[in-house]
Amino acid sequence: MPPPSGGKGSEMADSAAFRLHAGPDTLVELREYCGSILAPVQDAHLARSAELVLEELVTNIVRHAYGQAGGPIEVDLQVEDERIRLIVADEGPPFDPLSSAAPERPTGEGKRGLLLLRHLTSDLHYVRSPDGRNVTTCVIEPTSEPDAE
């Protein structure tokens, strides 16, 4: 797969749209793309938060939407002024991450990703598109909280 194509809209905005195939190497490819796209972001915490959110969304798609069969994942990553917008789409069965209750703190297995998504994003939306895709949009903004990694 060729590297993502980034297009500058202004000096303060950069974006890249790319397509992955859900499978064993998906996260490796995703990390490579994220590293190159997010490298210019001055706020390291913001960039790392965006990377974590994207990894969580893609991991859930690989595990729960496609399983062994694999399938397409479309990612649109937009660096806008001092925030990052992520749009992730897949063709798996309908799943709204907002319809599931997330715990207030991590406990046992499952739903920790929902907690992470809700903690790191300032805006989180899901829609089942007319063409049958799950589309999740997240906005990550700078925070004054210390890095809890």
C-alpha atoms as a PDB file:
ATOM      1  CA  MET A   1       0.000   0.000   0.000  1.00  0.00           C
ATOM      2  CA  PRO A   2       1.434   3.395  -0.915  1.00  0.00           C
ATOM      3  CA  PRO A   3       1.926   5.993   1.792  1.00  0.00           C
ATOM      4  CA  PRO A   4      -1.018   8.261   2.507  1.00  0.00           C
ATOM      5  CA  SER A   5      -1.422  11.339   0.395  1.00  0.00           C
ATOM      6  CA  GLY A   6      -1.369  14.462   2.487  1.00  0.00           C
ATOM      7  CA  GLY A   7      -2.780  17.670   1.136  1.00  0.00           C
ATOM      8  CA  LYS A   8      -2.137  20.997   2.723  1.00  0.00           C
ATOM      9  CA  GLY A   9      -5.173  23.249   2.946  1.00  0.00           C
ATOM     10  CA  SER A  10      -3.228  25.992   4.695  1.00  0.00           C
ATOM     11  CA  GLU A  11      -0.107  26.388   6.773  1.00  0.00           C
ATOM     12  CA  MET A  12      -2.099  25.372   9.845  1.00  0.00           C
ATOM     13  CA  ALA A  13      -3.942  22.391   8.370  1.00  0.00           C
ATOM     14  CA  ASP A  14      -2.783  19.082   6.960  1.00  0.00           C
ATOM     15  CA  SER A  15      -4.734  15.965   6.139  1.00  0.00           C
ATOM     16  CA  ALA A  16      -4.321  12.463   4.865  1.00  0.00           C
ATOM     17  CA  ALA A  17      -6.841   9.901   3.752  1.00  0.00           C
ATOM     18  CA  PHE A  18      -5.819   6.293   3.432  1.00  0.00           C
ATOM     19  CA  ARG A  19      -7.266   2.814   3.278  1.00  0.00           C
ATOM     20  CA  LEU A  20      -6.087  -0.200   5.258  1.00  0.00           C
ATOM     21  CA  HIS A  21      -7.027  -3.860   5.060  1.00  0.00           C
ATOM     22  CA  ALA A  22      -7.951  -5.283   8.459  1.00  0.00           C
ATOM     23  CA  GLY A  23      -5.497  -8.042   9.232  1.00  0.00           C
ATOM     24  CA  PRO A  24      -2.458  -9.014  11.279  1.00  0.00           C
ATOM     25  CA  ASP A  25      -0.313  -6.069  10.111  1.00  0.00           C
ATOM     26  CA  THR A  26      -2.963  -3.365  10.263  1.00  0.00           C
ATOM     27  CA  LEU A  27      -1.633  -1.658  13.389  1.00  0.00           C
ATOM     28  CA  VAL A  28       1.939  -1.686  12.079  1.00  0.00           C
ATOM     29  CA  GLU A  29       0.796   0.097   8.903  1.00  0.00           C
ATOM     30  CA  LEU A  30      -1.359   2.485  10.909  1.00  0.00           C
ATOM     31  CA  ARG A  31       1.535   3.452  13.192  1.00  0.00           C
ATOM     32  CA  GLU A  32       3.767   4.127  10.191  1.00  0.00           C
ATOM     33  CA  TYR A  33       1.174   6.412   8.623  1.00  0.00           C
ATOM     34  CA  CYS A  34       0.421   8.185  11.903  1.00  0.00           C
ATOM     35  CA  GLY A  35       4.097   8.747  12.597  1.00  0.00           C
ATOM     36  CA  SER A  36       4.624  10.571   9.326  1.00  0.00           C
ATOM     37  CA  ILE A  37       1.355  12.509   9.383  1.00  0.00           C
ATOM     38  CA  LEU A  38       1.504  13.569  13.036  1.00  0.00           C
ATOM     39  CA  ALA A  39       5.251  14.299  13.146  1.00  0.00           C
ATOM     40  CA  PRO A  40       4.784  18.042  12.447  1.00  0.00           C
ATOM     41  CA  VAL A  41       2.264  18.459  15.298  1.00  0.00           C
ATOM     42  CA  GLN A  42       3.974  20.595  17.953  1.00  0.00           C
ATOM     43  CA  ASP A  43       1.879  19.342  20.885  1.00  0.00           C
ATOM     44  CA  ALA A  44       3.266  15.841  21.547  1.00  0.00           C
ATOM     45  CA  HIS A  45       0.415  14.999  23.956  1.00  0.00           C
ATOM     46  CA  LEU A  46      -2.169  15.950  21.323  1.00  0.00           C
ATOM     47  CA  ALA A  47      -0.428  13.820  18.677  1.00  0.00           C
ATOM     48  CA  ARG A  48      -0.125  10.824  21.020  1.00  0.00           C
ATOM     49  CA  SER A  49      -3.773  11.146  22.074  1.00  0.00           C
ATOM     50  CA  ALA A  50      -4.850  11.117  18.422  1.00  0.00           C
ATOM     51  CA  GLU A  51      -2.687   8.078  17.768  1.00  0.00           C
ATOM     52  CA  LEU A  52      -4.185   6.220  20.762  1.00  0.00           C
ATOM     53  CA  VAL A  53      -7.755   7.025  19.696  1.00  0.00           C
ATOM     54  CA  LEU A  54      -7.073   5.900  16.142  1.00  0.00           C
ATOM     55  CA  GLU A  55      -5.381   2.695  17.304  1.00  0.00           C
ATOM     56  CA  GLU A  56      -8.348   1.894  19.536  1.00  0.00           C
ATOM     57  CA  LEU A  57     -10.891   2.457  16.771  1.00  0.00           C
ATOM     58  CA  VAL A  58      -8.921   0.381  14.272  1.00  0.00           C
ATOM     59  CA  THR A  59      -8.235  -2.409  16.786  1.00  0.00           C
ATOM     60  CA  ASN A  60     -11.962  -2.698  17.484  1.00  0.00           C
ATOM     61  CA  ILE A  61     -12.713  -2.892  13.778  1.00  0.00           C
ATOM     62  CA  VAL A  62     -10.080  -5.577  13.211  1.00  0.00           C
ATOM     63  CA  ARG A  63     -11.274  -7.664  16.168  1.00  0.00           C
ATOM     64  CA  HIS A  64     -15.020  -7.152  16.164  1.00  0.00           C
ATOM     65  CA  ALA A  65     -16.145  -5.993  12.719  1.00  0.00           C
ATOM     66  CA  TYR A  66     -14.113  -8.329  10.523  1.00  0.00           C
ATOM     67  CA  GLY A  67     -12.320 -10.971  12.574  1.00  0.00           C
ATOM     68  CA  GLN A  68     -10.287 -13.441  10.519  1.00  0.00           C
ATOM     69  CA  ALA A  69     -11.972 -12.452   7.243  1.00  0.00           C
ATOM     70  CA  GLY A  70     -10.507  -8.954   7.184  1.00  0.00           C
ATOM     71  CA  GLY A  71     -11.987  -6.035   5.293  1.00  0.00           C
ATOM     72  CA  PRO A  72     -11.455  -2.404   4.352  1.00  0.00           C
ATOM     73  CA  ILE A  73     -10.874   0.400   6.832  1.00  0.00           C
ATOM     74  CA  GLU A  74     -10.885   3.986   5.619  1.00  0.00           C
ATOM     75  CA  VAL A  75      -9.142   6.659   7.676  1.00  0.00           C
ATOM     76  CA  ASP A  76      -9.244  10.413   7.211  1.00  0.00           C
ATOM     77  CA  LEU A  77      -6.877  12.239   9.566  1.00  0.00           C
ATOM     78  CA  GLN A  78      -7.072  16.038   9.612  1.00  0.00           C
ATOM     79  CA  VAL A  79      -4.774  18.322  11.574  1.00  0.00           C
ATOM     80  CA  GLU A  80      -6.738  21.561  11.959  1.00  0.00           C
ATOM     81  CA  ASP A  81      -5.077  24.457  13.774  1.00  0.00           C
ATOM     82  CA  GLU A  82      -4.805  23.116  17.336  1.00  0.00           C
ATOM     83  CA  ARG A  83      -6.988  20.028  17.053  1.00  0.00           C
ATOM     84  CA  ILE A  84      -7.056  16.742  15.210  1.00  0.00           C
ATOM     85  CA  ARG A  85     -10.143  15.261  13.559  1.00  0.00           C
ATOM     86  CA  LEU A  86     -10.295  11.534  12.819  1.00  0.00           C
ATOM     87  CA  ILE A  87     -12.908   9.918  10.593  1.00  0.00           C
ATOM     88  CA  VAL A  88     -12.823   6.128  10.480  1.00  0.00           C
ATOM     89  CA  ALA A  89     -15.132   3.989   8.351  1.00  0.00           C
ATOM     90  CA  ASP A  90     -15.616   0.248   7.978  1.00  0.00           C
ATOM     91  CA  GLU A  91     -18.055  -2.128   6.292  1.00  0.00           C
ATOM     92  CA  GLY A  92     -18.620  -4.377   9.308  1.00  0.00           C
ATOM     93  CA  PRO A  93     -21.917  -5.030  11.082  1.00  0.00           C
ATOM     94  CA  PRO A  94     -23.515  -1.936  12.619  1.00  0.00           C
ATOM     95  CA  PHE A  95     -21.833  -0.895  15.859  1.00  0.00           C
ATOM     96  CA  ASP A  96     -22.336   2.421  17.610  1.00  0.00           C
ATOM     97  CA  PRO A  97     -19.562   2.914  20.180  1.00  0.00           C
ATOM     98  CA  LEU A  98     -21.689   5.578  21.862  1.00  0.00           C
ATOM     99  CA  SER A  99     -24.608   3.226  22.513  1.00  0.00           C
ATOM    100  CA  SER A 100     -22.553   1.055  24.838  1.00  0.00           C
ATOM    101  CA  ALA A 101     -22.016   2.153  28.426  1.00  0.00           C
ATOM    102  CA  ALA A 102     -18.376   2.777  29.288  1.00  0.00           C
ATOM    103  CA  PRO A 103     -17.156   2.205  32.835  1.00  0.00           C
ATOM    104  CA  GLU A 104     -16.037   5.202  34.869  1.00  0.00           C
ATOM    105  CA  ARG A 105     -12.654   3.510  35.317  1.00  0.00           C
ATOM    106  CA  PRO A 106     -11.024   0.418  33.775  1.00  0.00           C
ATOM    107  CA  THR A 107     -12.303  -2.847  35.229  1.00  0.00           C
ATOM    108  CA  GLY A 108     -11.608  -6.319  33.900  1.00  0.00           C
ATOM    109  CA  GLU A 109     -11.840  -7.058  30.224  1.00  0.00           C
ATOM    110  CA  GLY A 110     -13.766  -5.057  27.688  1.00  0.00           C
ATOM    111  CA  LYS A 111     -15.054  -1.518  27.377  1.00  0.00           C
ATOM    112  CA  ARG A 112     -11.727   0.041  28.382  1.00  0.00           C
ATOM    113  CA  GLY A 113     -11.444   1.323  24.841  1.00  0.00           C
ATOM    114  CA  LEU A 114     -14.749   3.165  25.181  1.00  0.00           C
ATOM    115  CA  LEU A 115     -13.454   4.805  28.333  1.00  0.00           C
ATOM    116  CA  LEU A 116     -10.276   5.817  26.508  1.00  0.00           C
ATOM    117  CA  LEU A 117     -12.216   7.230  23.533  1.00  0.00           C
ATOM    118  CA  ARG A 118     -14.490   9.289  25.749  1.00  0.00           C
ATOM    119  CA  HIS A 119     -11.605  10.553  27.876  1.00  0.00           C
ATOM    120  CA  LEU A 120      -9.354  11.629  25.006  1.00  0.00           C
ATOM    121  CA  THR A 121     -11.926  13.125  22.624  1.00  0.00           C
ATOM    122  CA  SER A 122     -13.777  16.409  22.888  1.00  0.00           C
ATOM    123  CA  ASP A 123     -16.298  15.333  20.258  1.00  0.00           C
ATOM    124  CA  LEU A 124     -17.310  11.796  19.294  1.00  0.00           C
ATOM    125  CA  HIS A 125     -20.006  10.884  16.736  1.00  0.00           C
ATOM    126  CA  TYR A 126     -21.184   7.703  15.054  1.00  0.00           C
ATOM    127  CA  VAL A 127     -23.436   7.237  12.046  1.00  0.00           C
ATOM    128  CA  ARG A 128     -24.398   4.264   9.895  1.00  0.00           C
ATOM    129  CA  SER A 129     -24.005   5.741   6.424  1.00  0.00           C
ATOM    130  CA  PRO A 130     -26.596   5.207   3.654  1.00  0.00           C
ATOM    131  CA  ASP A 131     -24.108   2.913   1.895  1.00  0.00           C
ATOM    132  CA  GLY A 132     -23.958   0.645   4.974  1.00  0.00           C
ATOM    133  CA  ARG A 133     -20.671   1.743   6.540  1.00  0.00           C
ATOM    134  CA  ASN A 134     -19.938   2.505  10.174  1.00  0.00           C
ATOM    135  CA  VAL A 135     -18.489   6.020  10.326  1.00  0.00           C
ATOM    136  CA  THR A 136     -16.994   7.298  13.572  1.00  0.00           C
ATOM    137  CA  THR A 137     -15.762  10.880  13.852  1.00  0.00           C
ATOM    138  CA  CYS A 138     -13.585  12.062  16.746  1.00  0.00           C
ATOM    139  CA  VAL A 139     -12.057  15.412  17.605  1.00  0.00           C
ATOM    140  CA  ILE A 140      -9.018  15.569  19.851  1.00  0.00           C
ATOM    141  CA  GLU A 141      -8.089  18.958  21.305  1.00  0.00           C
ATOM    142  CA  PRO A 142      -5.188  20.104  23.492  1.00  0.00           C
ATOM    143  CA  THR A 143      -5.684  19.592  27.193  1.00  0.00           C
ATOM    144  CA  SER A 144      -3.996  21.014  30.225  1.00  0.00           C
ATOM    145  CA  GLU A 145      -4.157  17.615  31.962  1.00  0.00           C
ATOM    146  CA  PRO A 146      -0.799  15.914  32.552  1.00  0.00           C
ATOM    147  CA  ASP A 147      -0.044  12.915  30.393  1.00  0.00           C
ATOM    148  CA  ALA A 148      -1.411   9.870  32.243  1.00  0.00           C
ATOM    149  CA  GLU A 149       0.419   7.285  30.129  1.00  0.00           C
END
